[in-house]
Protein backbone atom coordinates (compact mmCIF):
# COMPACT_ATOMS: atom_id res chain seq x y z
CA UNK A 1 228.46 162.28 59.52
CA UNK A 2 225.50 160.02 59.47
CA UNK A 3 223.87 159.88 63.28
CA UNK A 4 222.92 156.60 64.28
CA UNK A 5 219.17 155.03 64.36
CA UNK A 6 217.42 155.82 67.44
CA UNK A 7 216.37 152.62 69.44
CA UNK A 8 212.90 152.15 69.50
CA UNK A 9 210.59 151.21 72.43
CA UNK A 10 206.63 150.40 72.42
CA UNK A 11 205.06 150.91 75.60
CA UNK A 12 201.82 149.17 76.37
CA UNK A 13 198.65 150.70 78.35
CA UNK A 14 195.43 149.11 78.07
CA UNK A 15 193.37 152.42 78.75
CA UNK A 16 193.10 155.53 80.14
CA UNK A 17 190.12 155.77 82.81
CA UNK A 18 192.12 157.96 85.31
CA UNK A 19 194.06 157.17 88.57
CA UNK A 20 197.60 156.75 89.35
CA UNK A 21 198.69 154.16 86.84
CA UNK A 22 197.71 156.35 84.44
CA UNK A 23 200.16 158.91 85.65
CA UNK A 24 203.38 156.71 85.40
CA UNK A 25 202.56 155.49 82.43
CA UNK A 26 202.65 159.00 81.40
CA UNK A 27 205.73 159.77 82.77
CA UNK A 28 207.56 157.00 81.81
CA UNK A 29 206.72 158.00 78.18
CA UNK A 30 207.87 161.39 79.03
CA UNK A 31 211.61 160.18 80.32
CA UNK A 32 211.52 158.56 76.78
CA UNK A 33 210.66 160.29 74.15
CA UNK A 34 213.42 162.41 73.98
CA UNK A 35 215.79 159.75 73.15
CA UNK A 36 213.93 157.20 71.78
CA UNK A 37 211.26 156.65 68.95
CA UNK A 38 208.43 155.86 71.38
CA UNK A 39 205.13 154.57 70.24
CA UNK A 40 201.72 154.08 72.84
CA UNK A 41 199.93 150.45 72.03
CA UNK A 42 196.72 150.87 73.70
CA UNK A 43 192.78 150.13 73.36
CA UNK A 44 191.94 153.98 72.28
CA UNK A 45 192.94 157.24 70.83
CA UNK A 46 194.06 159.40 73.46
CA UNK A 47 193.82 163.20 73.52
CA UNK A 48 197.15 164.33 74.77
CA UNK A 49 196.19 167.64 75.52
CA UNK A 50 193.76 166.63 78.11
CA UNK A 51 196.17 163.82 79.62
CA UNK A 52 198.95 166.59 79.62
CA UNK A 53 196.76 168.74 81.64
CA UNK A 54 195.71 166.40 83.98
CA UNK A 55 199.11 164.94 84.65
CA UNK A 56 201.55 167.57 83.91
CA UNK A 57 203.41 166.25 81.03
CA UNK A 58 204.21 167.40 77.94
CA UNK A 59 203.73 164.89 75.40
CA UNK A 60 203.30 166.02 71.42
CA UNK A 61 202.04 164.09 68.54
CA UNK A 62 205.27 164.82 66.68
CA UNK A 63 207.66 162.98 69.48
CA UNK A 64 205.22 160.12 70.03
CA UNK A 65 203.29 157.34 68.22
CA UNK A 66 200.11 156.44 69.05
CA UNK A 67 198.70 153.24 67.59
CA UNK A 68 195.23 152.81 69.23
CA UNK A 69 193.45 149.10 68.24
CA UNK A 70 189.75 150.71 68.13
CA UNK A 71 188.33 152.97 65.82
CA UNK A 72 187.40 155.99 67.82
CA UNK A 73 183.50 155.85 67.01
CA UNK A 74 183.73 153.12 69.40
CA UNK A 75 186.03 154.34 72.25
CA UNK A 76 183.09 155.75 74.11
CA UNK A 77 181.09 152.50 73.70
CA UNK A 78 184.07 150.40 74.84
CA UNK A 79 185.25 152.55 77.43
CA UNK A 80 181.83 152.71 79.06
CA UNK A 81 181.42 148.61 79.09
CA UNK A 82 185.12 148.22 80.75
CA UNK A 83 184.29 151.07 83.67
CA UNK A 84 181.72 148.96 84.45
CA UNK A 85 181.82 145.20 83.45
CA UNK A 86 184.67 143.67 84.81
CA UNK A 87 184.60 140.97 82.54
CA UNK A 88 184.38 143.05 79.93
CA UNK A 89 187.68 144.38 80.93
CA UNK A 90 189.48 141.75 80.55
CA UNK A 91 188.65 140.50 77.65
CA UNK A 92 189.17 143.59 75.74
CA UNK A 93 192.79 143.95 77.62
CA UNK A 94 194.01 140.35 76.95
CA UNK A 95 193.25 140.90 73.29
CA UNK A 96 194.88 143.88 73.54
CA UNK A 97 197.77 141.69 75.04
CA UNK A 98 197.58 139.29 72.18
CA UNK A 99 197.81 141.84 69.80
CA UNK A 100 201.03 143.44 71.47
CA UNK A 101 202.99 140.59 71.31
CA UNK A 102 202.38 140.13 67.55
CA UNK A 103 204.34 143.02 67.35
CA UNK A 104 206.61 143.57 70.18
CA UNK A 105 209.43 142.04 68.31
CA UNK A 106 209.81 145.03 65.87
CA UNK A 107 210.94 147.07 68.77
CA UNK A 108 214.05 147.09 70.33
CA UNK A 109 212.78 147.11 73.71
CA UNK A 110 208.70 146.35 74.86
CA UNK A 111 207.59 147.82 78.30
CA UNK A 112 204.69 146.81 80.07
CA UNK A 113 203.31 150.58 82.27
CA UNK A 114 200.65 148.14 83.78
CA UNK A 115 201.73 145.48 85.91
CA UNK A 116 203.12 142.08 85.33
CA UNK A 117 202.61 141.14 81.64
CA UNK A 118 203.65 138.59 79.14
CA UNK A 119 205.15 140.70 76.25
CA UNK A 120 205.95 138.17 73.77
CA UNK A 121 209.60 138.44 74.77
CA UNK A 122 211.83 140.04 77.61
CA UNK A 123 210.91 143.76 78.17
CA UNK A 124 210.55 145.89 81.29
CA UNK A 125 207.18 146.39 83.45
CA UNK A 126 206.36 148.12 86.28
CA UNK A 127 204.07 146.52 88.52
CA UNK A 128 201.28 148.40 90.31
CA UNK A 129 200.17 145.22 92.07
CA UNK A 130 200.05 141.14 91.65
CA UNK A 131 197.89 139.31 89.61
CA UNK A 132 196.01 142.44 87.99
CA UNK A 133 196.00 141.33 84.35
CA UNK A 134 196.63 137.56 85.03
CA UNK A 135 196.52 134.82 87.78
CA UNK A 136 197.98 131.51 88.40
CA UNK A 137 195.53 129.18 86.00
CA UNK A 138 194.80 126.38 88.49
CA UNK A 139 192.98 129.29 91.05
CA UNK A 140 191.51 131.51 87.96
CA UNK A 141 187.94 131.67 87.28
CA UNK A 142 186.28 131.11 83.82
CA UNK A 143 186.39 134.05 82.47
CA UNK A 144 190.02 134.58 83.39
CA UNK A 145 190.61 131.48 82.11
CA UNK A 146 189.47 132.57 78.80
CA UNK A 147 190.92 135.65 78.57
CA UNK A 148 194.29 133.92 79.29
CA UNK A 149 193.86 131.50 76.29
CA UNK A 150 192.94 134.67 74.21
CA UNK A 151 196.10 136.17 74.63
CA UNK A 152 197.80 132.77 75.03
CA UNK A 153 199.42 134.33 78.44
CA UNK A 154 202.81 133.13 79.44
CA UNK A 155 203.98 133.45 83.34
CA UNK A 156 207.56 132.42 82.00
CA UNK A 157 207.44 135.35 79.71
CA UNK A 158 206.04 137.65 82.55
CA UNK A 159 209.34 136.26 84.80
CA UNK A 160 211.71 137.02 82.22
CA UNK A 161 210.74 140.52 82.01
CA UNK A 162 213.05 142.95 84.36
CA UNK A 163 210.47 144.59 87.00
CA UNK A 164 209.67 147.50 88.65
CA UNK A 165 207.49 148.44 91.30
CA UNK A 166 205.78 151.11 93.55
CA UNK A 167 206.93 150.48 96.99
CA UNK A 168 209.05 147.82 99.02
CA UNK A 169 205.83 146.64 100.12
CA UNK A 170 204.92 145.73 97.09
CA UNK A 171 208.10 144.52 95.73
CA UNK A 172 207.90 141.67 98.90
CA UNK A 173 204.40 140.80 97.60
CA UNK A 174 205.86 140.64 93.81
CA UNK A 175 209.11 138.57 95.52
CA UNK A 176 206.29 136.28 97.09
CA UNK A 177 203.74 135.43 94.40
CA UNK A 178 206.21 135.58 91.09
CA UNK A 179 209.34 134.68 93.04
CA UNK A 180 211.09 137.71 91.30
CA UNK A 181 213.26 140.37 92.00
CA UNK A 182 211.37 144.30 91.56
CA UNK A 183 213.61 147.36 92.03
CA UNK A 184 211.27 150.26 93.82
CA UNK A 185 210.67 153.05 91.95
CA UNK A 186 208.23 155.75 93.74
CA UNK A 187 205.31 156.64 91.35
CA UNK A 188 205.63 160.29 90.14
CA UNK A 189 203.04 163.00 91.88
CA UNK A 190 201.87 165.19 89.19
CA UNK A 191 200.22 167.71 91.55
CA UNK A 192 200.85 171.55 90.48
CA UNK A 193 199.20 174.05 93.11
CA UNK A 194 199.92 177.32 94.91
CA UNK A 195 201.10 176.68 98.24
CA UNK A 196 198.63 177.85 100.71
CA UNK A 197 199.95 179.10 104.08
CA UNK A 198 199.28 176.92 107.38
CA UNK A 199 197.84 179.54 108.81
CA UNK A 200 195.12 180.14 105.67
CA UNK A 201 194.40 176.52 105.76
CA UNK A 202 190.96 174.98 106.96
CA UNK A 203 190.66 173.06 109.86
CA UNK A 204 189.61 170.05 107.56
CA UNK A 205 190.68 166.84 106.71
CA UNK A 206 190.85 165.33 103.06
CA UNK A 207 189.91 161.66 102.14
CA UNK A 208 190.57 161.45 98.46
CA UNK A 209 190.11 158.15 95.99
CA UNK A 210 187.04 156.04 95.07
CA UNK A 211 184.32 156.03 97.04
CA UNK A 212 184.06 151.87 97.27
CA UNK A 213 184.01 149.49 100.01
CA UNK A 214 187.51 148.62 99.97
CA UNK A 215 188.29 152.41 101.00
CA UNK A 216 186.46 152.30 103.70
CA UNK A 217 185.19 155.83 103.24
CA UNK A 218 182.32 155.24 106.06
CA UNK A 219 184.95 154.70 108.82
CA UNK A 220 186.48 157.74 107.92
CA UNK A 221 183.46 159.94 108.85
CA UNK A 222 183.01 157.68 111.91
CA UNK A 223 186.57 158.72 113.10
CA UNK A 224 186.09 162.14 112.27
CA UNK A 225 182.74 162.16 113.91
CA UNK A 226 184.48 160.77 117.43
CA UNK A 227 187.07 163.22 116.79
CA UNK A 228 184.69 166.44 116.85
CA UNK A 229 182.64 164.56 120.13
CA UNK A 230 186.14 165.27 121.85
CA UNK A 231 185.60 169.55 120.83
CA UNK A 232 187.88 169.73 118.10
CA UNK A 233 185.56 171.26 115.20
CA UNK A 234 186.65 170.17 111.72
CA UNK A 235 185.44 169.67 108.78
CA UNK A 236 185.96 166.79 106.21
CA UNK A 237 185.80 166.73 102.26
CA UNK A 238 185.58 163.70 100.48
CA UNK A 239 186.59 163.50 96.91
CA UNK A 240 186.40 161.04 94.39
CA UNK A 241 184.75 159.11 91.94
CA UNK A 242 182.09 156.17 92.09
CA UNK A 243 183.08 152.23 92.08
CA UNK A 244 180.86 151.93 88.74
CA UNK A 245 177.73 150.37 88.32
CA UNK A 246 179.00 147.06 90.56
CA UNK A 247 179.55 150.17 93.54
CA UNK A 248 176.59 152.15 93.65
CA UNK A 249 175.23 150.58 96.46
CA UNK A 250 178.44 151.66 98.94
CA UNK A 251 178.68 155.01 97.27
CA UNK A 252 174.73 156.01 98.02
CA UNK A 253 175.45 154.60 101.46
CA UNK A 254 178.40 156.86 102.01
CA UNK A 255 176.40 160.02 100.41
CA UNK A 256 173.55 159.33 103.13
CA UNK A 257 176.12 159.15 106.10
CA UNK A 258 177.74 162.90 104.60
CA UNK A 259 174.15 164.10 103.92
CA UNK A 260 173.60 163.10 107.89
CA UNK A 261 176.32 165.15 108.97
CA UNK A 262 176.10 168.03 106.22
CA UNK A 263 177.44 171.29 108.58
CA UNK A 264 180.65 169.20 108.56
CA UNK A 265 180.95 166.87 105.84
CA UNK A 266 181.24 167.77 102.01
CA UNK A 267 181.27 164.80 99.49
CA UNK A 268 182.49 165.66 95.94
CA UNK A 269 181.92 163.30 93.41
CA UNK A 270 183.90 162.94 89.97
CA UNK A 271 185.39 166.53 91.09
CA UNK A 272 187.15 168.43 87.82
CA UNK A 273 190.75 167.84 88.70
CA UNK A 274 191.68 171.50 88.91
CA UNK A 275 188.92 171.75 91.52
CA UNK A 276 190.14 169.15 93.70
CA UNK A 277 193.78 170.92 93.70
CA UNK A 278 191.92 173.67 95.25
CA UNK A 279 190.29 171.44 97.65
CA UNK A 280 193.47 169.51 98.34
CA UNK A 281 195.59 173.01 98.98
CA UNK A 282 193.00 174.41 101.61
CA UNK A 283 193.31 171.45 103.70
CA UNK A 284 195.38 170.73 106.85
CA UNK A 285 194.81 166.89 107.20
CA UNK A 286 194.31 164.01 105.30
CA UNK A 287 193.28 160.53 106.12
CA UNK A 288 193.46 157.83 104.47
CA UNK A 289 192.08 154.02 105.57
CA UNK A 290 192.75 151.81 103.23
CA UNK A 291 196.08 149.60 102.98
CA UNK A 292 197.73 150.67 99.85
CA UNK A 293 200.13 149.35 97.54
CA UNK A 294 201.73 152.78 97.29
CA UNK A 295 198.81 155.16 98.09
CA UNK A 296 199.12 158.47 95.38
CA UNK A 297 196.58 160.44 97.34
CA UNK A 298 198.54 160.36 100.35
CA UNK A 299 201.59 161.09 98.49
CA UNK A 300 199.55 164.04 96.99
CA UNK A 301 198.67 165.06 100.53
CA UNK A 302 202.32 165.40 101.12
CA UNK A 303 203.47 167.46 98.25
CA UNK A 304 200.82 169.73 99.15
CA UNK A 305 201.86 170.09 102.86
CA UNK A 306 198.87 168.05 104.63
CA UNK A 307 199.87 166.23 107.75
CA UNK A 308 197.99 162.71 106.68
CA UNK A 309 196.96 160.20 108.94
CA UNK A 310 197.19 156.51 107.87
CA UNK A 311 196.13 153.02 108.32
CA UNK A 312 199.53 150.83 109.60
CA UNK A 313 200.01 148.37 106.91
CA UNK A 314 200.92 149.15 103.16
CA UNK A 315 202.76 151.35 101.19
CA UNK A 316 201.37 154.51 102.23
CA UNK A 317 203.88 154.20 105.43
CA UNK A 318 206.66 154.77 103.42
CA UNK A 319 205.41 158.00 102.10
CA UNK A 320 204.68 159.06 105.39
CA UNK A 321 207.91 157.81 107.19
CA UNK A 322 207.71 154.75 109.73
CA UNK A 323 209.50 156.93 112.23
CA UNK A 324 206.03 159.58 112.17
CA UNK A 325 204.30 157.00 114.44
CA UNK A 326 201.92 159.82 115.45
CA UNK A 327 200.08 159.85 111.98
CA UNK A 328 200.08 155.82 111.74
CA UNK A 329 196.99 154.48 113.11
CA UNK A 330 196.33 150.50 113.80
CA UNK A 331 192.47 150.97 114.31
CA UNK A 332 189.36 153.39 114.19
CA UNK A 333 189.61 154.00 117.83
CA UNK A 334 193.47 154.25 117.98
CA UNK A 335 193.00 156.72 114.98
CA UNK A 336 190.56 159.02 117.45
CA UNK A 337 193.54 159.35 119.93
CA UNK A 338 196.49 159.61 117.34
CA UNK A 339 194.41 162.57 115.27
CA UNK A 340 193.37 163.97 118.87
CA UNK A 341 196.93 163.93 120.30
CA UNK A 342 197.86 166.36 116.98
CA UNK A 343 195.55 168.29 116.94
CA UNK A 344 195.79 169.37 120.70
CA UNK A 345 199.73 169.66 120.17
CA UNK A 346 200.58 172.75 117.86
CA UNK A 347 204.65 171.99 118.58
CA UNK A 348 204.08 168.46 117.37
CA UNK A 349 202.35 169.27 114.04
CA UNK A 350 204.97 171.80 113.28
CA UNK A 351 207.37 168.97 113.74
CA UNK A 352 205.24 166.73 111.32
CA UNK A 353 205.13 169.18 108.73
CA UNK A 354 208.68 169.35 108.86
CA UNK A 355 209.31 165.74 108.76
CA UNK A 356 206.58 165.46 106.05
CA UNK A 357 208.30 168.30 104.19
CA UNK A 358 211.86 166.28 103.88
CA UNK A 359 209.98 163.60 102.17
CA UNK A 360 208.27 165.54 98.97
CA UNK A 361 211.26 165.00 96.89
CA UNK A 362 211.16 161.03 97.05
CA UNK A 363 207.60 161.37 95.05
CA UNK A 364 209.05 163.85 92.07
CA UNK A 365 208.83 163.38 88.26
CA UNK A 366 212.66 164.64 87.88
CA UNK A 367 213.48 161.60 89.81
CA UNK A 368 210.92 159.01 88.79
CA UNK A 369 212.00 160.33 84.98
CA UNK A 370 216.05 159.40 86.03
CA UNK A 371 215.36 156.36 87.59
CA UNK A 372 212.73 155.08 84.41
CA UNK A 373 215.73 156.07 81.84
CA UNK A 374 218.21 154.30 83.92
CA UNK A 375 216.21 150.97 83.98
CA UNK A 376 215.59 151.06 80.19
CA UNK A 377 219.15 151.99 79.53
CA UNK A 378 220.26 149.20 80.90
CA UNK A 379 217.46 146.94 78.57
CA UNK A 380 219.40 147.92 76.24
CA UNK A 381 222.86 147.75 76.97
CA UNK A 382 224.04 144.93 75.02
CA UNK A 383 224.89 141.79 76.85
CA UNK A 384 228.57 141.38 78.19
CA UNK A 385 230.07 138.57 75.93
CA UNK A 386 230.92 135.25 77.75
CA UNK A 387 233.97 134.32 78.53
CA UNK A 388 235.08 131.25 76.41
CA UNK A 389 235.29 127.95 78.47
CA UNK A 390 239.00 127.70 79.49
CA UNK A 391 241.02 124.60 78.49
CA UNK A 392 241.39 121.44 81.30
CA UNK A 393 244.72 121.20 82.77
CA UNK A 394 245.39 117.54 81.85
CA UNK A 395 246.82 115.77 85.41
CA UNK A 396 250.30 114.94 85.33
CA UNK A 397 251.24 111.42 85.22
């Protein structure tokens, strides 16, 4: 008996330059390749073996078709430009959207793993934040208007998509921005590491993520310097890349500050992933100063058994749990007080570790994959037939 043809899916992810958005895209593909014919539509060819090693996936060329727009000899040049020049990134992104829209009708379902997008037809989109790819035309700058003209971007088409997002915090912003509802599907945490017993961990804090002004890395150093002045001999490990050409000034500032406190601060820039996991595993605590739509580095800390201290706005509160108020701070001085209170109370440390351990499964790859598979199945389900109009009864005379 002939097997029915498998449904076809095309997923748009403009580029792979590192970060949590890549993990989402790759695990979306993992959730789908066994049941559908899946094509990844992207700017440049991808090294699946490298990405699998980075994010714990097991994607293979015999199950995933990759449609790349650029010649391999141009990949390094273009990636270098889009990593450092926002306007170049914008133009290439919308050029890829234009090309994607031209072929999306050839598939049963079109998906964006990279925010809200005009897919050329109603599809499925995963939003990490709002106005990442586009902006309202009345507020857009000249380059954004040019890029949106290149892709012939339609906000009407964007709003016609079924939407998923990374946190309830982002879902509310999506509703306020676009007037659409988004289902929350927490991103998967892909860290695979050997657990280090609490007693064997260092009395150290981890600050992870890009070293840019928005992350307020310098304030983390200031907060922990004040903690040390209160008599706690803690260390700080800063891990993450810089902010590209436009962020070099801030990165240099953080480097100078770290060097001035070299006896307890270590700055690892662009650390290989395997080495990052080793640093992550040996820390007892984490600290994250920036309000985030989600905060994948905070989720990694929770999965690795750290106690992370986070700012009191943003999706990272959903990661640690709003009830765990001892690790949610409102300002630098408040962070110092909360950290000191936890450091001096071993019973409170144990209670926090137990509470955070219960939250680890919220960010599992299994939970994420099941939610994606269900959302895709809903999109592909045949529409229920509409009921025929009922004849009106004539009033009796």
